[in-house]
Amino acid sequence: MSAIIKFADHIPSRPPVTESLQEEFDNINSPDTPLEQKLASALSCIMRLQMRISDMQEKMAQSEREVSMKEMLLRNATLRERELRTQLVRRLW
């Protein structure tokens, strides 16, 4: 149970938007910025965000694999525990 609490405390919060992306967002929203520059900034933001999404998807896939492995280890440990308990009961009777 304490392991679950420790894991829950370790879950990272949503990462903040980087300063350069924030500057680009501000540049896009500025009324003084020419349209071509706004479009270039918007495209740059989109590309960066797509890269971040891709990175997060890779990390999520890796985390899912790790969870699957840990679930398998837990099932194996539970099965082994049952086997050992059965052996112990047989020896005691």
PDB file of N, CA and C in Angstrom:
ATOM      1  N   MET A   1       0.822  -1.190   0.000  1.00  0.00           N
ATOM      2  CA  MET A   1       0.000   0.000   0.000  1.00  0.00           C
ATOM      3  C   MET A   1       0.869   1.257   0.000  1.00  0.00           C
ATOM      4  N   SER A   2       1.927   1.248   0.794  1.00  0.00           N
ATOM      5  CA  SER A   2       2.793   2.424   0.845  1.00  0.00           C
ATOM      6  C   SER A   2       3.498   2.640  -0.485  1.00  0.00           C
ATOM      7  N   ALA A   3       3.749   1.544  -1.232  1.00  0.00           N
ATOM      8  CA  ALA A   3       4.373   1.687  -2.545  1.00  0.00           C
ATOM      9  C   ALA A   3       3.445   2.433  -3.491  1.00  0.00           C
ATOM     10  N   ILE A   4       2.155   2.180  -3.387  1.00  0.00           N
ATOM     11  CA  ILE A   4       1.190   2.879  -4.231  1.00  0.00           C
ATOM     12  C   ILE A   4       1.174   4.364  -3.892  1.00  0.00           C
ATOM     13  N   ILE A   5       1.226   4.668  -2.611  1.00  0.00           N
ATOM     14  CA  ILE A   5       1.234   6.067  -2.187  1.00  0.00           C
ATOM     15  C   ILE A   5       2.497   6.756  -2.678  1.00  0.00           C
ATOM     16  N   LYS A   6       3.627   6.082  -2.574  1.00  0.00           N
ATOM     17  CA  LYS A   6       4.876   6.665  -3.058  1.00  0.00           C
ATOM     18  C   LYS A   6       4.808   6.888  -4.556  1.00  0.00           C
ATOM     19  N   PHE A   7       4.238   5.921  -5.292  1.00  0.00           N
ATOM     20  CA  PHE A   7       4.115   6.058  -6.737  1.00  0.00           C
ATOM     21  C   PHE A   7       3.201   7.227  -7.084  1.00  0.00           C
ATOM     22  N   ALA A   8       2.097   7.351  -6.386  1.00  0.00           N
ATOM     23  CA  ALA A   8       1.150   8.441  -6.653  1.00  0.00           C
ATOM     24  C   ALA A   8       1.787   9.798  -6.373  1.00  0.00           C
ATOM     25  N   ASP A   9       2.643   9.851  -5.364  1.00  0.00           N
ATOM     26  CA  ASP A   9       3.323  11.110  -5.056  1.00  0.00           C
ATOM     27  C   ASP A   9       4.375  11.447  -6.106  1.00  0.00           C
ATOM     28  N   HIS A  10       4.838  10.430  -6.831  1.00  0.00           N
ATOM     29  CA  HIS A  10       5.909  10.616  -7.797  1.00  0.00           C
ATOM     30  C   HIS A  10       5.394  10.998  -9.189  1.00  0.00           C
ATOM     31  N   ILE A  11       4.086  10.969  -9.417  1.00  0.00           N
ATOM     32  CA  ILE A  11       3.533  11.286 -10.726  1.00  0.00           C
ATOM     33  C   ILE A  11       3.828  12.750 -11.043  1.00  0.00           C
ATOM     34  N   PRO A  12       4.526  12.990 -12.157  1.00  0.00           N
ATOM     35  CA  PRO A  12       4.889  14.376 -12.476  1.00  0.00           C
ATOM     36  C   PRO A  12       3.672  15.186 -12.892  1.00  0.00           C
ATOM     37  N   SER A  13       3.718  16.466 -12.567  1.00  0.00           N
ATOM     38  CA  SER A  13       2.635  17.354 -12.983  1.00  0.00           C
ATOM     39  C   SER A  13       2.843  17.731 -14.440  1.00  0.00           C
ATOM     40  N   ARG A  14       1.850  18.372 -15.007  1.00  0.00           N
ATOM     41  CA  ARG A  14       1.936  18.774 -16.409  1.00  0.00           C
ATOM     42  C   ARG A  14       3.084  19.765 -16.590  1.00  0.00           C
ATOM     43  N   PRO A  15       3.976  19.492 -17.554  1.00  0.00           N
ATOM     44  CA  PRO A  15       5.118  20.391 -17.735  1.00  0.00           C
ATOM     45  C   PRO A  15       4.669  21.753 -18.249  1.00  0.00           C
ATOM     46  N   PRO A  16       5.317  22.819 -17.780  1.00  0.00           N
ATOM     47  CA  PRO A  16       4.937  24.159 -18.233  1.00  0.00           C
ATOM     48  C   PRO A  16       5.363  24.388 -19.681  1.00  0.00           C
ATOM     49  N   VAL A  17       4.692  25.316 -20.328  1.00  0.00           N
ATOM     50  CA  VAL A  17       5.067  25.694 -21.688  1.00  0.00           C
ATOM     51  C   VAL A  17       6.403  26.409 -21.618  1.00  0.00           C
ATOM     52  N   THR A  18       7.320  26.035 -22.485  1.00  0.00           N
ATOM     53  CA  THR A  18       8.644  26.657 -22.450  1.00  0.00           C
ATOM     54  C   THR A  18       8.549  28.130 -22.805  1.00  0.00           C
ATOM     55  N   GLU A  19       9.544  28.859 -22.367  1.00  0.00           N
ATOM     56  CA  GLU A  19       9.538  30.306 -22.596  1.00  0.00           C
ATOM     57  C   GLU A  19       9.553  30.640 -24.083  1.00  0.00           C
ATOM     58  N   SER A  20      10.319  29.879 -24.873  1.00  0.00           N
ATOM     59  CA  SER A  20      10.393  30.196 -26.304  1.00  0.00           C
ATOM     60  C   SER A  20       9.040  29.981 -26.978  1.00  0.00           C
ATOM     61  N   LEU A  21       8.322  28.926 -26.564  1.00  0.00           N
ATOM     62  CA  LEU A  21       6.987  28.721 -27.121  1.00  0.00           C
ATOM     63  C   LEU A  21       6.054  29.837 -26.687  1.00  0.00           C
ATOM     64  N   GLN A  22       6.168  30.266 -25.453  1.00  0.00           N
ATOM     65  CA  GLN A  22       5.324  31.354 -24.962  1.00  0.00           C
ATOM     66  C   GLN A  22       5.596  32.632 -25.743  1.00  0.00           C
ATOM     67  N   GLU A  23       6.873  32.881 -26.036  1.00  0.00           N
ATOM     68  CA  GLU A  23       7.217  34.059 -26.825  1.00  0.00           C
ATOM     69  C   GLU A  23       6.605  33.980 -28.223  1.00  0.00           C
ATOM     70  N   GLU A  24       6.637  32.776 -28.802  1.00  0.00           N
ATOM     71  CA  GLU A  24       6.055  32.617 -30.129  1.00  0.00           C
ATOM     72  C   GLU A  24       4.541  32.796 -30.092  1.00  0.00           C
ATOM     73  N   PHE A  25       3.903  32.274 -29.039  1.00  0.00           N
ATOM     74  CA  PHE A  25       2.460  32.485 -28.889  1.00  0.00           C
ATOM     75  C   PHE A  25       2.158  33.987 -28.788  1.00  0.00           C
ATOM     76  N   ASP A  26       2.965  34.686 -28.003  1.00  0.00           N
ATOM     77  CA  ASP A  26       2.776  36.132 -27.863  1.00  0.00           C
ATOM     78  C   ASP A  26       2.986  36.842 -29.200  1.00  0.00           C
ATOM     79  N   ASN A  27       3.979  36.362 -29.962  1.00  0.00           N
ATOM     80  CA  ASN A  27       4.270  36.936 -31.274  1.00  0.00           C
ATOM     81  C   ASN A  27       3.090  36.732 -32.227  1.00  0.00           C
ATOM     82  N   ILE A  28       2.480  35.559 -32.163  1.00  0.00           N
ATOM     83  CA  ILE A  28       1.333  35.270 -33.030  1.00  0.00           C
ATOM     84  C   ILE A  28       0.154  36.163 -32.669  1.00  0.00           C
ATOM     85  N   ASN A  29      -0.037  36.417 -31.392  1.00  0.00           N
ATOM     86  CA  ASN A  29      -1.186  37.196 -30.933  1.00  0.00           C
ATOM     87  C   ASN A  29      -0.978  38.705 -31.006  1.00  0.00           C
ATOM     88  N   SER A  30       0.230  39.133 -31.279  1.00  0.00           N
ATOM     89  CA  SER A  30       0.528  40.565 -31.325  1.00  0.00           C
ATOM     90  C   SER A  30      -0.090  41.202 -32.580  1.00  0.00           C
ATOM     91  N   PRO A  31      -0.786  42.314 -32.406  1.00  0.00           N
ATOM     92  CA  PRO A  31      -1.381  42.980 -33.581  1.00  0.00           C
ATOM     93  C   PRO A  31      -0.336  43.654 -34.471  1.00  0.00           C
ATOM     94  N   ASP A  32       0.861  43.899 -33.949  1.00  0.00           N
ATOM     95  CA  ASP A  32       1.910  44.584 -34.711  1.00  0.00           C
ATOM     96  C   ASP A  32       2.703  43.641 -35.609  1.00  0.00           C
ATOM     97  N   THR A  33       2.550  42.343 -35.426  1.00  0.00           N
ATOM     98  CA  THR A  33       3.328  41.369 -36.179  1.00  0.00           C
ATOM     99  C   THR A  33       2.713  41.154 -37.562  1.00  0.00           C
ATOM    100  N   PRO A  34       3.548  41.176 -38.611  1.00  0.00           N
ATOM    101  CA  PRO A  34       3.032  40.929 -39.963  1.00  0.00           C
ATOM    102  C   PRO A  34       2.452  39.511 -40.083  1.00  0.00           C
ATOM    103  N   LEU A  35       1.508  39.348 -40.979  1.00  0.00           N
ATOM    104  CA  LEU A  35       0.806  38.080 -41.148  1.00  0.00           C
ATOM    105  C   LEU A  35       1.762  36.930 -41.478  1.00  0.00           C
ATOM    106  N   GLU A  36       2.741  37.186 -42.369  1.00  0.00           N
ATOM    107  CA  GLU A  36       3.690  36.132 -42.748  1.00  0.00           C
ATOM    108  C   GLU A  36       4.475  35.646 -41.537  1.00  0.00           C
ATOM    109  N   GLN A  37       4.869  36.579 -40.684  1.00  0.00           N
ATOM    110  CA  GLN A  37       5.630  36.217 -39.488  1.00  0.00           C
ATOM    111  C   GLN A  37       4.738  35.457 -38.511  1.00  0.00           C
ATOM    112  N   LYS A  38       3.465  35.856 -38.417  1.00  0.00           N
ATOM    113  CA  LYS A  38       2.534  35.133 -37.554  1.00  0.00           C
ATOM    114  C   LYS A  38       2.375  33.695 -38.022  1.00  0.00           C
ATOM    115  N   LEU A  39       2.243  33.526 -39.338  1.00  0.00           N
ATOM    116  CA  LEU A  39       2.088  32.179 -39.892  1.00  0.00           C
ATOM    117  C   LEU A  39       3.345  31.339 -39.660  1.00  0.00           C
ATOM    118  N   ALA A  40       4.512  31.951 -39.849  1.00  0.00           N
ATOM    119  CA  ALA A  40       5.775  31.234 -39.622  1.00  0.00           C
ATOM    120  C   ALA A  40       5.899  30.835 -38.145  1.00  0.00           C
ATOM    121  N   SER A  41       5.535  31.741 -37.259  1.00  0.00           N
ATOM    122  CA  SER A  41       5.589  31.439 -35.822  1.00  0.00           C
ATOM    123  C   SER A  41       4.595  30.340 -35.461  1.00  0.00           C
ATOM    124  N   ALA A  42       3.412  30.413 -36.044  1.00  0.00           N
ATOM    125  CA  ALA A  42       2.399  29.391 -35.766  1.00  0.00           C
ATOM    126  C   ALA A  42       2.871  28.031 -36.247  1.00  0.00           C
ATOM    127  N   LEU A  43       3.458  27.979 -37.435  1.00  0.00           N
ATOM    128  CA  LEU A  43       3.969  26.716 -37.967  1.00  0.00           C
ATOM    129  C   LEU A  43       5.089  26.167 -37.082  1.00  0.00           C
ATOM    130  N   SER A  44       5.953  27.058 -36.628  1.00  0.00           N
ATOM    131  CA  SER A  44       7.038  26.647 -35.738  1.00  0.00           C
ATOM    132  C   SER A  44       6.478  26.072 -34.423  1.00  0.00           C
ATOM    133  N   CYS A  45       5.474  26.732 -33.878  1.00  0.00           N
ATOM    134  CA  CYS A  45       4.841  26.239 -32.647  1.00  0.00           C
ATOM    135  C   CYS A  45       4.218  24.869 -32.873  1.00  0.00           C
ATOM    136  N   ILE A  46       3.526  24.734 -33.987  1.00  0.00           N
ATOM    137  CA  ILE A  46       2.872  23.453 -34.294  1.00  0.00           C
ATOM    138  C   ILE A  46       3.905  22.347 -34.404  1.00  0.00           C
ATOM    139  N   MET A  47       4.999  22.618 -35.090  1.00  0.00           N
ATOM    140  CA  MET A  47       6.039  21.594 -35.253  1.00  0.00           C
ATOM    141  C   MET A  47       6.657  21.216 -33.908  1.00  0.00           C
ATOM    142  N   ARG A  48       6.933  22.199 -33.065  1.00  0.00           N
ATOM    143  CA  ARG A  48       7.498  21.903 -31.739  1.00  0.00           C
ATOM    144  C   ARG A  48       6.524  21.092 -30.896  1.00  0.00           C
ATOM    145  N   LEU A  49       5.258  21.490 -30.938  1.00  0.00           N
ATOM    146  CA  LEU A  49       4.257  20.771 -30.151  1.00  0.00           C
ATOM    147  C   LEU A  49       4.076  19.345 -30.663  1.00  0.00           C
ATOM    148  N   GLN A  50       4.137  19.151 -31.981  1.00  0.00           N
ATOM    149  CA  GLN A  50       4.052  17.796 -32.532  1.00  0.00           C
ATOM    150  C   GLN A  50       5.237  16.950 -32.081  1.00  0.00           C
ATOM    151  N   MET A  51       6.413  17.553 -32.016  1.00  0.00           N
ATOM    152  CA  MET A  51       7.586  16.825 -31.532  1.00  0.00           C
ATOM    153  C   MET A  51       7.409  16.442 -30.066  1.00  0.00           C
ATOM    154  N   ARG A  52       6.872  17.368 -29.269  1.00  0.00           N
ATOM    155  CA  ARG A  52       6.645  17.071 -27.847  1.00  0.00           C
ATOM    156  C   ARG A  52       5.607  15.972 -27.684  1.00  0.00           C
ATOM    157  N   ILE A  53       4.564  16.008 -28.524  1.00  0.00           N
ATOM    158  CA  ILE A  53       3.539  14.961 -28.471  1.00  0.00           C
ATOM    159  C   ILE A  53       4.167  13.618 -28.803  1.00  0.00           C
ATOM    160  N   SER A  54       4.996  13.592 -29.829  1.00  0.00           N
ATOM    161  CA  SER A  54       5.668  12.355 -30.224  1.00  0.00           C
ATOM    162  C   SER A  54       6.539  11.822 -29.085  1.00  0.00           C
ATOM    163  N   ASP A  55       7.296  12.715 -28.457  1.00  0.00           N
ATOM    164  CA  ASP A  55       8.139  12.308 -27.323  1.00  0.00           C
ATOM    165  C   ASP A  55       7.297  11.751 -26.181  1.00  0.00           C
ATOM    166  N   MET A  56       6.189  12.420 -25.896  1.00  0.00           N
ATOM    167  CA  MET A  56       5.321  11.957 -24.803  1.00  0.00           C
ATOM    168  C   MET A  56       4.678  10.621 -25.138  1.00  0.00           C
ATOM    169  N   GLN A  57       4.331  10.410 -26.411  1.00  0.00           N
ATOM    170  CA  GLN A  57       3.759   9.132 -26.810  1.00  0.00           C
ATOM    171  C   GLN A  57       4.773   8.012 -26.651  1.00  0.00           C
ATOM    172  N   GLU A  58       6.026   8.290 -26.994  1.00  0.00           N
ATOM    173  CA  GLU A  58       7.089   7.298 -26.806  1.00  0.00           C
ATOM    174  C   GLU A  58       7.271   6.974 -25.329  1.00  0.00           C
ATOM    175  N   LYS A  59       7.281   7.997 -24.502  1.00  0.00           N
ATOM    176  CA  LYS A  59       7.429   7.776 -23.060  1.00  0.00           C
ATOM    177  C   LYS A  59       6.247   7.001 -22.504  1.00  0.00           C
ATOM    178  N   MET A  60       5.046   7.303 -22.992  1.00  0.00           N
ATOM    179  CA  MET A  60       3.862   6.601 -22.525  1.00  0.00           C
ATOM    180  C   MET A  60       3.916   5.130 -22.942  1.00  0.00           C
ATOM    181  N   ALA A  61       4.350   4.852 -24.169  1.00  0.00           N
ATOM    182  CA  ALA A  61       4.476   3.473 -24.632  1.00  0.00           C
ATOM    183  C   ALA A  61       5.505   2.718 -23.786  1.00  0.00           C
ATOM    184  N   GLN A  62       6.606   3.371 -23.467  1.00  0.00           N
ATOM    185  CA  GLN A  62       7.627   2.751 -22.625  1.00  0.00           C
ATOM    186  C   GLN A  62       7.069   2.476 -21.227  1.00  0.00           C
ATOM    187  N   SER A  63       6.330   3.419 -20.694  1.00  0.00           N
ATOM    188  CA  SER A  63       5.726   3.239 -19.370  1.00  0.00           C
ATOM    189  C   SER A  63       4.723   2.094 -19.379  1.00  0.00           C
ATOM    190  N   GLU A  64       3.951   1.994 -20.456  1.00  0.00           N
ATOM    191  CA  GLU A  64       2.991   0.896 -20.567  1.00  0.00           C
ATOM    192  C   GLU A  64       3.714  -0.453 -20.596  1.00  0.00           C
ATOM    193  N   ARG A  65       4.837  -0.524 -21.308  1.00  0.00           N
ATOM    194  CA  ARG A  65       5.621  -1.772 -21.332  1.00  0.00           C
ATOM    195  C   ARG A  65       6.156  -2.100 -19.944  1.00  0.00           C
ATOM    196  N   GLU A  66       6.643  -1.084 -19.240  1.00  0.00           N
ATOM    197  CA  GLU A  66       7.161  -1.305 -17.885  1.00  0.00           C
ATOM    198  C   GLU A  66       6.056  -1.783 -16.947  1.00  0.00           C
ATOM    199  N   VAL A  67       4.871  -1.196 -17.060  1.00  0.00           N
ATOM    200  CA  VAL A  67       3.748  -1.606 -16.213  1.00  0.00           C
ATOM    201  C   VAL A  67       3.366  -3.047 -16.522  1.00  0.00           C
ATOM    202  N   SER A  68       3.346  -3.406 -17.803  1.00  0.00           N
ATOM    203  CA  SER A  68       3.019  -4.782 -18.186  1.00  0.00           C
ATOM    204  C   SER A  68       4.022  -5.772 -17.595  1.00  0.00           C
ATOM    205  N   MET A  69       5.293  -5.405 -17.656  1.00  0.00           N
ATOM    206  CA  MET A  69       6.326  -6.285 -17.084  1.00  0.00           C
ATOM    207  C   MET A  69       6.143  -6.425 -15.572  1.00  0.00           C
ATOM    208  N   LYS A  70       5.856  -5.326 -14.897  1.00  0.00           N
ATOM    209  CA  LYS A  70       5.675  -5.375 -13.451  1.00  0.00           C
ATOM    210  C   LYS A  70       4.425  -6.149 -13.071  1.00  0.00           C
ATOM    211  N   GLU A  71       3.361  -6.032 -13.887  1.00  0.00           N
ATOM    212  CA  GLU A  71       2.159  -6.823 -13.631  1.00  0.00           C
ATOM    213  C   GLU A  71       2.457  -8.309 -13.781  1.00  0.00           C
ATOM    214  N   MET A  72       3.243  -8.661 -14.804  1.00  0.00           N
ATOM    215  CA  MET A  72       3.617 -10.058 -15.002  1.00  0.00           C
ATOM    216  C   MET A  72       4.455 -10.560 -13.822  1.00  0.00           C
ATOM    217  N   LEU A  73       5.399  -9.758 -13.369  1.00  0.00           N
ATOM    218  CA  LEU A  73       6.214 -10.142 -12.213  1.00  0.00           C
ATOM    219  C   LEU A  73       5.349 -10.320 -10.975  1.00  0.00           C
ATOM    220  N   LEU A  74       4.376  -9.445 -10.794  1.00  0.00           N
ATOM    221  CA  LEU A  74       3.476  -9.553  -9.652  1.00  0.00           C
ATOM    222  C   LEU A  74       2.644 -10.829  -9.735  1.00  0.00           C
ATOM    223  N   ARG A  75       2.120 -11.140 -10.927  1.00  0.00           N
ATOM    224  CA  ARG A  75       1.353 -12.388 -11.094  1.00  0.00           C
ATOM    225  C   ARG A  75       2.223 -13.599 -10.797  1.00  0.00           C
ATOM    226  N   ASN A  76       3.463 -13.574 -11.297  1.00  0.00           N
ATOM    227  CA  ASN A  76       4.376 -14.694 -11.041  1.00  0.00           C
ATOM    228  C   ASN A  76       4.686 -14.822  -9.550  1.00  0.00           C
ATOM    229  N   ALA A  77       4.899 -13.699  -8.893  1.00  0.00           N
ATOM    230  CA  ALA A  77       5.189 -13.730  -7.459  1.00  0.00           C
ATOM    231  C   ALA A  77       3.988 -14.238  -6.671  1.00  0.00           C
ATOM    232  N   THR A  78       2.797 -13.830  -7.076  1.00  0.00           N
ATOM    233  CA  THR A  78       1.582 -14.292  -6.401  1.00  0.00           C
ATOM    234  C   THR A  78       1.410 -15.796  -6.579  1.00  0.00           C
ATOM    235  N   LEU A  79       1.651 -16.268  -7.790  1.00  0.00           N
ATOM    236  CA  LEU A  79       1.558 -17.705  -8.066  1.00  0.00           C
ATOM    237  C   LEU A  79       2.588 -18.474  -7.243  1.00  0.00           C
ATOM    238  N   ARG A  80       3.790 -17.977  -7.191  1.00  0.00           N
ATOM    239  CA  ARG A  80       4.852 -18.643  -6.399  1.00  0.00           C
ATOM    240  C   ARG A  80       4.490 -18.653  -4.920  1.00  0.00           C
ATOM    241  N   GLU A  81       3.925 -17.556  -4.434  1.00  0.00           N
ATOM    242  CA  GLU A  81       3.510 -17.493  -3.032  1.00  0.00           C
ATOM    243  C   GLU A  81       2.456 -18.563  -2.746  1.00  0.00           C
ATOM    244  N   ARG A  82       1.502 -18.733  -3.631  1.00  0.00           N
ATOM    245  CA  ARG A  82       0.475 -19.767  -3.453  1.00  0.00           C
ATOM    246  C   ARG A  82       1.094 -21.158  -3.423  1.00  0.00           C
ATOM    247  N   GLU A  83       2.033 -21.381  -4.327  1.00  0.00           N
ATOM    248  CA  GLU A  83       2.713 -22.685  -4.362  1.00  0.00           C
ATOM    249  C   GLU A  83       3.449 -22.952  -3.050  1.00  0.00           C
ATOM    250  N   LEU A  84       4.156 -21.946  -2.554  1.00  0.00           N
ATOM    251  CA  LEU A  84       4.898 -22.113  -1.305  1.00  0.00           C
ATOM    252  C   LEU A  84       3.949 -22.323  -0.125  1.00  0.00           C
ATOM    253  N   ARG A  85       2.827 -21.619  -0.093  1.00  0.00           N
ATOM    254  CA  ARG A  85       1.849 -21.806   0.979  1.00  0.00           C
ATOM    255  C   ARG A  85       1.264 -23.217   0.927  1.00  0.00           C
ATOM    256  N   THR A  86       0.999 -23.692  -0.290  1.00  0.00           N
ATOM    257  CA  THR A  86       0.462 -25.047  -0.440  1.00  0.00           C
ATOM    258  C   THR A  86       1.470 -26.068   0.079  1.00  0.00           C
ATOM    259  N   GLN A  87       2.724 -25.902  -0.256  1.00  0.00           N
ATOM    260  CA  GLN A  87       3.769 -26.808   0.223  1.00  0.00           C
ATOM    261  C   GLN A  87       3.869 -26.770   1.744  1.00  0.00           C
ATOM    262  N   LEU A  88       3.794 -25.571   2.306  1.00  0.00           N
ATOM    263  CA  LEU A  88       3.880 -25.424   3.748  1.00  0.00           C
ATOM    264  C   LEU A  88       2.714 -26.126   4.440  1.00  0.00           C
ATOM    265  N   VAL A  89       1.521 -25.957   3.917  1.00  0.00           N
ATOM    266  CA  VAL A  89       0.337 -26.601   4.503  1.00  0.00           C
ATOM    267  C   VAL A  89       0.471 -28.102   4.417  1.00  0.00           C
ATOM    268  N   ARG A  90       0.962 -28.634   3.304  1.00  0.00           N
ATOM    269  CA  ARG A  90       1.150 -30.089   3.148  1.00  0.00           C
ATOM    270  C   ARG A  90       2.145 -30.616   4.180  1.00  0.00           C
ATOM    271  N   ARG A  91       3.203 -29.881   4.425  1.00  0.00           N
ATOM    272  CA  ARG A  91       4.216 -30.339   5.391  1.00  0.00           C
ATOM    273  C   ARG A  91       3.700 -30.290   6.823  1.00  0.00           C
ATOM    274  N   LEU A  92       2.847 -29.299   7.096  1.00  0.00           N
ATOM    275  CA  LEU A  92       2.340 -29.177   8.460  1.00  0.00           C
ATOM    276  C   LEU A  92       1.262 -30.223   8.752  1.00  0.00           C
ATOM    277  N   TRP A  93       0.573 -30.710   7.762  1.00  0.00           N
ATOM    278  CA  TRP A  93      -0.486 -31.694   7.984  1.00  0.00           C
ATOM    279  C   TRP A  93       0.089 -33.034   7.829  1.00  0.00           C
TER     280      TRP A  93
END
